[in-house]
Structures are given as structure tokens and as C-alpha cells.
PDB file of N, CA and C in Angstrom:
ATOM      1  N   UNK A   1       6.502  -0.989   8.684  1.00  0.00           N
ATOM      2  CA  UNK A   1       6.698   0.351   8.401  1.00  0.00           C
ATOM      3  C   UNK A   1       7.420   1.049   9.589  1.00  0.00           C
ATOM      4  N   UNK A   2       8.459   1.824   9.299  1.00  0.00           N
ATOM      5  CA  UNK A   2       9.245   2.499  10.415  1.00  0.00           C
ATOM      6  C   UNK A   2       8.581   3.739  10.853  1.00  0.00           C
ATOM      7  N   UNK A   3       8.765   4.032  12.060  1.00  0.00           N
ATOM      8  CA  UNK A   3       8.345   5.541  12.588  1.00  0.00           C
ATOM      9  C   UNK A   3       8.885   6.568  11.776  1.00  0.00           C
ATOM     10  N   UNK A   4       7.911   7.475  11.184  1.00  0.00           N
ATOM     11  CA  UNK A   4       8.355   8.615  10.480  1.00  0.00           C
ATOM     12  C   UNK A   4       8.745   8.435   9.036  1.00  0.00           C
ATOM     13  N   UNK A   5       8.501   7.093   8.546  1.00  0.00           N
ATOM     14  CA  UNK A   5       8.925   6.754   7.216  1.00  0.00           C
ATOM     15  C   UNK A   5       8.050   7.376   6.209  1.00  0.00           C
ATOM     16  N   UNK A   6       8.662   8.062   5.092  1.00  0.00           N
ATOM     17  CA  UNK A   6       7.881   8.621   4.029  1.00  0.00           C
ATOM     18  C   UNK A   6       8.347   8.246   2.651  1.00  0.00           C
ATOM     19  N   UNK A   7       9.279   7.276   2.573  1.00  0.00           N
ATOM     20  CA  UNK A   7       9.649   6.818   1.331  1.00  0.00           C
ATOM     21  C   UNK A   7       9.670   5.224   1.313  1.00  0.00           C
ATOM     22  N   UNK A   8       9.598   4.717   0.238  1.00  0.00           N
ATOM     23  CA  UNK A   8       9.589   3.214  -0.015  1.00  0.00           C
ATOM     24  C   UNK A   8      11.025   2.685   0.293  1.00  0.00           C
ATOM     25  N   UNK A   9      11.124   1.417   0.812  1.00  0.00           N
ATOM     26  CA  UNK A   9      12.324   0.743   1.018  1.00  0.00           C
ATOM     27  C   UNK A   9      12.488  -0.529   0.408  1.00  0.00           C
ATOM     28  N   UNK A  10      11.376  -0.856  -0.595  1.00  0.00           N
ATOM     29  CA  UNK A  10      11.462  -2.136  -1.234  1.00  0.00           C
ATOM     30  C   UNK A  10      12.744  -2.136  -2.168  1.00  0.00           C
ATOM     31  N   UNK A  11      13.315  -3.257  -2.227  1.00  0.00           N
ATOM     32  CA  UNK A  11      14.487  -3.590  -3.122  1.00  0.00           C
ATOM     33  C   UNK A  11      14.114  -4.128  -4.416  1.00  0.00           C
ATOM     34  N   UNK A  12      14.854  -3.603  -5.518  1.00  0.00           N
ATOM     35  CA  UNK A  12      14.609  -4.502  -6.793  1.00  0.00           C
ATOM     36  C   UNK A  12      15.413  -5.531  -6.906  1.00  0.00           C
ATOM     37  N   UNK A  13      15.396  -6.214  -8.175  1.00  0.00           N
ATOM     38  CA  UNK A  13      16.312  -7.447  -8.287  1.00  0.00           C
ATOM     39  C   UNK A  13      17.736  -7.082  -8.144  1.00  0.00           C
ATOM     40  N   UNK A  14      18.197  -5.815  -8.404  1.00  0.00           N
ATOM     41  CA  UNK A  14      19.544  -5.493  -8.209  1.00  0.00           C
ATOM     42  C   UNK A  14      19.957  -5.154  -6.950  1.00  0.00           C
ATOM     43  N   UNK A  15      19.044  -5.031  -5.959  1.00  0.00           N
ATOM     44  CA  UNK A  15      19.270  -4.739  -4.577  1.00  0.00           C
ATOM     45  C   UNK A  15      19.314  -3.287  -4.301  1.00  0.00           C
ATOM     46  N   UNK A  16      18.725  -2.340  -5.086  1.00  0.00           N
ATOM     47  CA  UNK A  16      18.565  -0.973  -4.980  1.00  0.00           C
ATOM     48  C   UNK A  16      17.209  -0.667  -4.466  1.00  0.00           C
ATOM     49  N   UNK A  17      17.104   0.217  -3.379  1.00  0.00           N
ATOM     50  CA  UNK A  17      15.952   0.540  -2.789  1.00  0.00           C
ATOM     51  C   UNK A  17      15.228   1.531  -3.820  1.00  0.00           C
ATOM     52  N   UNK A  18      13.860   1.415  -3.682  1.00  0.00           N
ATOM     53  CA  UNK A  18      12.939   2.141  -4.631  1.00  0.00           C
ATOM     54  C   UNK A  18      12.944   3.750  -4.278  1.00  0.00           C
ATOM     55  N   UNK A  19      12.719   4.178  -2.983  1.00  0.00           N
ATOM     56  CA  UNK A  19      12.849   5.458  -2.534  1.00  0.00           C
ATOM     57  C   UNK A  19      11.546   6.404  -3.144  1.00  0.00           C
ATOM     58  N   UNK A  20      10.473   5.630  -3.650  1.00  0.00           N
ATOM     59  CA  UNK A  20       9.359   6.403  -3.989  1.00  0.00           C
ATOM     60  C   UNK A  20       8.635   6.921  -2.930  1.00  0.00           C
ATOM     61  N   UNK A  21       7.779   7.883  -3.036  1.00  0.00           N
ATOM     62  CA  UNK A  21       6.893   8.570  -2.033  1.00  0.00           C
ATOM     63  C   UNK A  21       5.752   7.805  -1.652  1.00  0.00           C
ATOM     64  N   UNK A  22       5.588   7.681  -0.320  1.00  0.00           N
ATOM     65  CA  UNK A  22       4.339   6.836   0.204  1.00  0.00           C
ATOM     66  C   UNK A  22       3.148   7.861   0.251  1.00  0.00           C
ATOM     67  N   UNK A  23       1.995   7.451  -0.121  1.00  0.00           N
ATOM     68  CA  UNK A  23       0.688   8.201  -0.045  1.00  0.00           C
ATOM     69  C   UNK A  23      -0.326   7.399   0.625  1.00  0.00           C
ATOM     70  N   UNK A  24      -1.226   8.020   1.168  1.00  0.00           N
ATOM     71  CA  UNK A  24      -2.414   7.363   1.733  1.00  0.00           C
ATOM     72  C   UNK A  24      -3.131   6.520   0.840  1.00  0.00           C
ATOM     73  N   UNK A  25      -3.557   5.302   1.136  1.00  0.00           N
ATOM     74  CA  UNK A  25      -4.395   4.398   0.186  1.00  0.00           C
ATOM     75  C   UNK A  25      -5.410   3.749   0.986  1.00  0.00           C
ATOM     76  N   UNK A  26      -6.669   4.017   0.555  1.00  0.00           N
ATOM     77  CA  UNK A  26      -7.835   3.444   1.113  1.00  0.00           C
ATOM     78  C   UNK A  26      -8.585   2.428   0.123  1.00  0.00           C
ATOM     79  N   UNK A  27      -8.138   1.254   0.273  1.00  0.00           N
ATOM     80  CA  UNK A  27      -8.559   0.128  -0.691  1.00  0.00           C
ATOM     81  C   UNK A  27     -10.017  -0.121  -0.792  1.00  0.00           C
ATOM     82  N   UNK A  28     -10.877   0.175   0.236  1.00  0.00           N
ATOM     83  CA  UNK A  28     -12.239  -0.157   0.214  1.00  0.00           C
ATOM     84  C   UNK A  28     -13.175   1.135   0.335  1.00  0.00           C
ATOM     85  N   UNK A  29     -12.585   2.144  -0.165  1.00  0.00           N
ATOM     86  CA  UNK A  29     -13.279   3.464  -0.266  1.00  0.00           C
ATOM     87  C   UNK A  29     -14.160   3.319  -1.514  1.00  0.00           C
ATOM     88  N   UNK A  30     -15.546   3.849  -1.412  1.00  0.00           N
ATOM     89  CA  UNK A  30     -16.332   3.668  -2.457  1.00  0.00           C
ATOM     90  C   UNK A  30     -16.103   4.536  -3.726  1.00  0.00           C
ATOM     91  N   UNK A  31     -15.514   5.629  -3.506  1.00  0.00           N
ATOM     92  CA  UNK A  31     -15.102   6.661  -4.596  1.00  0.00           C
ATOM     93  C   UNK A  31     -13.692   6.414  -5.282  1.00  0.00           C
ATOM     94  N   UNK A  32     -12.674   5.993  -4.291  1.00  0.00           N
ATOM     95  CA  UNK A  32     -11.430   6.175  -4.850  1.00  0.00           C
ATOM     96  C   UNK A  32     -10.607   4.865  -4.483  1.00  0.00           C
ATOM     97  N   UNK A  33     -11.365   3.786  -4.194  1.00  0.00           N
ATOM     98  CA  UNK A  33     -10.862   2.526  -3.666  1.00  0.00           C
ATOM     99  C   UNK A  33     -10.128   1.795  -4.853  1.00  0.00           C
ATOM    100  N   UNK A  34      -9.703   0.560  -4.458  1.00  0.00           N
ATOM    101  CA  UNK A  34      -9.212  -0.323  -5.368  1.00  0.00           C
ATOM    102  C   UNK A  34     -10.258  -1.032  -6.240  1.00  0.00           C
ATOM    103  N   UNK A  35     -10.119  -1.017  -7.606  1.00  0.00           N
ATOM    104  CA  UNK A  35     -11.026  -1.489  -8.524  1.00  0.00           C
ATOM    105  C   UNK A  35     -10.891  -2.986  -8.806  1.00  0.00           C
ATOM    106  N   UNK A  36      -9.724  -3.500  -8.690  1.00  0.00           N
ATOM    107  CA  UNK A  36      -9.341  -4.953  -9.135  1.00  0.00           C
ATOM    108  C   UNK A  36      -9.790  -5.962  -7.906  1.00  0.00           C
ATOM    109  N   UNK A  37     -10.887  -6.809  -8.237  1.00  0.00           N
ATOM    110  CA  UNK A  37     -11.300  -7.569  -6.984  1.00  0.00           C
ATOM    111  C   UNK A  37     -10.342  -8.584  -6.478  1.00  0.00           C
ATOM    112  N   UNK A  38      -9.261  -8.952  -7.217  1.00  0.00           N
ATOM    113  CA  UNK A  38      -8.168  -9.893  -6.633  1.00  0.00           C
ATOM    114  C   UNK A  38      -7.353  -9.054  -5.745  1.00  0.00           C
ATOM    115  N   UNK A  39      -6.987  -7.955  -5.928  1.00  0.00           N
ATOM    116  CA  UNK A  39      -6.219  -7.215  -4.963  1.00  0.00           C
ATOM    117  C   UNK A  39      -7.067  -6.908  -3.737  1.00  0.00           C
ATOM    118  N   UNK A  40      -8.455  -6.565  -3.900  1.00  0.00           N
ATOM    119  CA  UNK A  40      -9.353  -6.326  -2.723  1.00  0.00           C
ATOM    120  C   UNK A  40      -9.357  -7.438  -1.904  1.00  0.00           C
ATOM    121  N   UNK A  41      -9.472  -8.714  -2.566  1.00  0.00           N
ATOM    122  CA  UNK A  41      -9.667  -9.880  -1.655  1.00  0.00           C
ATOM    123  C   UNK A  41      -8.434 -10.231  -0.984  1.00  0.00           C
ATOM    124  N   UNK A  42      -7.241  -9.977  -1.620  1.00  0.00           N
ATOM    125  CA  UNK A  42      -6.039 -10.142  -0.820  1.00  0.00           C
ATOM    126  C   UNK A  42      -5.744  -9.322   0.367  1.00  0.00           C
ATOM    127  N   UNK A  43      -6.089  -8.053   0.057  1.00  0.00           N
ATOM    128  CA  UNK A  43      -6.004  -7.023   1.244  1.00  0.00           C
ATOM    129  C   UNK A  43      -6.979  -7.498   2.330  1.00  0.00           C
ATOM    130  N   UNK A  44      -8.113  -7.852   1.985  1.00  0.00           N
ATOM    131  CA  UNK A  44      -9.259  -8.249   3.007  1.00  0.00           C
ATOM    132  C   UNK A  44      -8.637  -9.499   3.735  1.00  0.00           C
ATOM    133  N   UNK A  45      -7.956 -10.445   3.180  1.00  0.00           N
ATOM    134  CA  UNK A  45      -7.580 -11.547   3.718  1.00  0.00           C
ATOM    135  C   UNK A  45      -6.401 -11.178   4.733  1.00  0.00           C
ATOM    136  N   UNK A  46      -5.610 -10.265   4.384  1.00  0.00           N
ATOM    137  CA  UNK A  46      -4.476  -9.969   5.256  1.00  0.00           C
ATOM    138  C   UNK A  46      -4.775  -8.969   6.195  1.00  0.00           C
ATOM    139  N   UNK A  47      -5.597  -7.946   6.016  1.00  0.00           N
ATOM    140  CA  UNK A  47      -5.969  -6.754   6.931  1.00  0.00           C
ATOM    141  C   UNK A  47      -7.172  -6.682   7.321  1.00  0.00           C
ATOM    142  N   UNK A  48      -8.096  -7.425   6.883  1.00  0.00           N
ATOM    143  CA  UNK A  48      -9.711  -7.381   7.154  1.00  0.00           C
ATOM    144  C   UNK A  48     -10.280  -6.372   6.219  1.00  0.00           C
ATOM    145  N   UNK A  49     -11.668  -6.494   6.299  1.00  0.00           N
ATOM    146  CA  UNK A  49     -12.324  -5.615   5.378  1.00  0.00           C
ATOM    147  C   UNK A  49     -13.128  -4.349   6.072  1.00  0.00           C
ATOM    148  N   UNK A  50     -12.178  -3.584   6.767  1.00  0.00           N
ATOM    149  CA  UNK A  50     -12.555  -2.258   7.280  1.00  0.00           C
ATOM    150  C   UNK A  50     -12.797  -1.511   6.301  1.00  0.00           C
ATOM    151  N   UNK A  51     -13.950  -0.653   6.214  1.00  0.00           N
ATOM    152  CA  UNK A  51     -14.130   0.446   5.199  1.00  0.00           C
ATOM    153  C   UNK A  51     -13.288   1.583   5.465  1.00  0.00           C
ATOM    154  N   UNK A  52     -12.647   1.714   6.713  1.00  0.00           N
ATOM    155  CA  UNK A  52     -11.797   2.922   7.104  1.00  0.00           C
ATOM    156  C   UNK A  52     -10.468   2.507   7.181  1.00  0.00           C
ATOM    157  N   UNK A  53      -9.985   1.368   6.555  1.00  0.00           N
ATOM    158  CA  UNK A  53      -8.651   0.896   6.666  1.00  0.00           C
ATOM    159  C   UNK A  53      -7.737   1.734   5.813  1.00  0.00           C
ATOM    160  N   UNK A  54      -6.626   2.254   6.598  1.00  0.00           N
ATOM    161  CA  UNK A  54      -5.685   3.243   5.864  1.00  0.00           C
ATOM    162  C   UNK A  54      -4.370   2.531   5.709  1.00  0.00           C
ATOM    163  N   UNK A  55      -3.996   2.403   4.452  1.00  0.00           N
ATOM    164  CA  UNK A  55      -2.694   1.907   4.120  1.00  0.00           C
ATOM    165  C   UNK A  55      -1.804   2.950   3.453  1.00  0.00           C
ATOM    166  N   UNK A  56      -0.464   2.644   3.157  1.00  0.00           N
ATOM    167  CA  UNK A  56       0.266   3.527   2.465  1.00  0.00           C
ATOM    168  C   UNK A  56       0.735   2.839   1.233  1.00  0.00           C
ATOM    169  N   UNK A  57       0.718   3.563   0.115  1.00  0.00           N
ATOM    170  CA  UNK A  57       1.125   2.892  -1.203  1.00  0.00           C
ATOM    171  C   UNK A  57       2.279   3.630  -1.921  1.00  0.00           C
ATOM    172  N   UNK A  58       3.368   3.032  -2.376  1.00  0.00           N
ATOM    173  CA  UNK A  58       4.307   3.573  -3.019  1.00  0.00           C
ATOM    174  C   UNK A  58       3.826   4.088  -4.429  1.00  0.00           C
ATOM    175  N   UNK A  59       4.064   5.309  -4.899  1.00  0.00           N
ATOM    176  CA  UNK A  59       3.782   5.683  -6.193  1.00  0.00           C
ATOM    177  C   UNK A  59       4.524   5.101  -7.325  1.00  0.00           C
ATOM    178  N   UNK A  60       5.695   4.698  -6.906  1.00  0.00           N
ATOM    179  CA  UNK A  60       6.645   4.102  -7.943  1.00  0.00           C
ATOM    180  C   UNK A  60       6.534   2.678  -8.202  1.00  0.00           C
ATOM    181  N   UNK A  61       6.574   1.909  -7.192  1.00  0.00           N
ATOM    182  CA  UNK A  61       6.534   0.345  -7.441  1.00  0.00           C
ATOM    183  C   UNK A  61       5.196  -0.292  -6.902  1.00  0.00           C
ATOM    184  N   UNK A  62       4.304   0.494  -6.361  1.00  0.00           N
ATOM    185  CA  UNK A  62       2.972   0.046  -5.900  1.00  0.00           C
ATOM    186  C   UNK A  62       3.010  -0.851  -4.724  1.00  0.00           C
ATOM    187  N   UNK A  63       4.069  -0.844  -3.841  1.00  0.00           N
ATOM    188  CA  UNK A  63       4.110  -1.590  -2.689  1.00  0.00           C
ATOM    189  C   UNK A  63       3.220  -1.097  -1.654  1.00  0.00           C
ATOM    190  N   UNK A  64       2.705  -1.954  -0.808  1.00  0.00           N
ATOM    191  CA  UNK A  64       1.724  -1.559   0.289  1.00  0.00           C
ATOM    192  C   UNK A  64       2.384  -1.607   1.548  1.00  0.00           C
ATOM    193  N   UNK A  65       2.079  -0.621   2.409  1.00  0.00           N
ATOM    194  CA  UNK A  65       2.568  -0.616   3.735  1.00  0.00           C
ATOM    195  C   UNK A  65       1.446  -0.401   4.649  1.00  0.00           C
ATOM    196  N   UNK A  66       1.524  -1.010   5.823  1.00  0.00           N
ATOM    197  CA  UNK A  66       0.450  -0.863   6.903  1.00  0.00           C
ATOM    198  C   UNK A  66       1.143  -0.199   8.129  1.00  0.00           C
ATOM    199  N   UNK A  67       0.448   0.692   8.627  1.00  0.00           N
ATOM    200  CA  UNK A  67       0.844   1.538   9.714  1.00  0.00           C
ATOM    201  C   UNK A  67       0.795   0.783  10.990  1.00  0.00           C
TER     202      UNK A  67
END
């Protein structure tokens, strides 16, 4: 993630950037966290299982960014 980045830079199969807005995403939050156990285990393997882990998620393509 680049300093000050607010939009997604993931490219699709045609090479165009997504430019979707990035929002805070707390995957292990009890109320609003991720419900899919497969995605939770992938995130825990890559970033750890910190209950206060804050990621950014693109609303358009669902790409995850870590600050």
C-alpha cells in the first residue's frame, strides 16, 4: 500500500486498474468481521490473528491491502 493511497490499484485481465474506494476492514471483529472461515484462516496465516488487525478492502473487487 502506498502512502496516502485511497483507491484500489489492482489490475484486471485487460490491464485496467480497478480504482474502487478502500475502506477499513476488521476481519476478526466479533460484530462486523469476516464470516467465511476459509478467508479468516488465510488472513490469520498471512497477518496473524490479532483481534485489532486493521486492513483495507476495495469495495469493487474485494482486494485486501495491509497498511
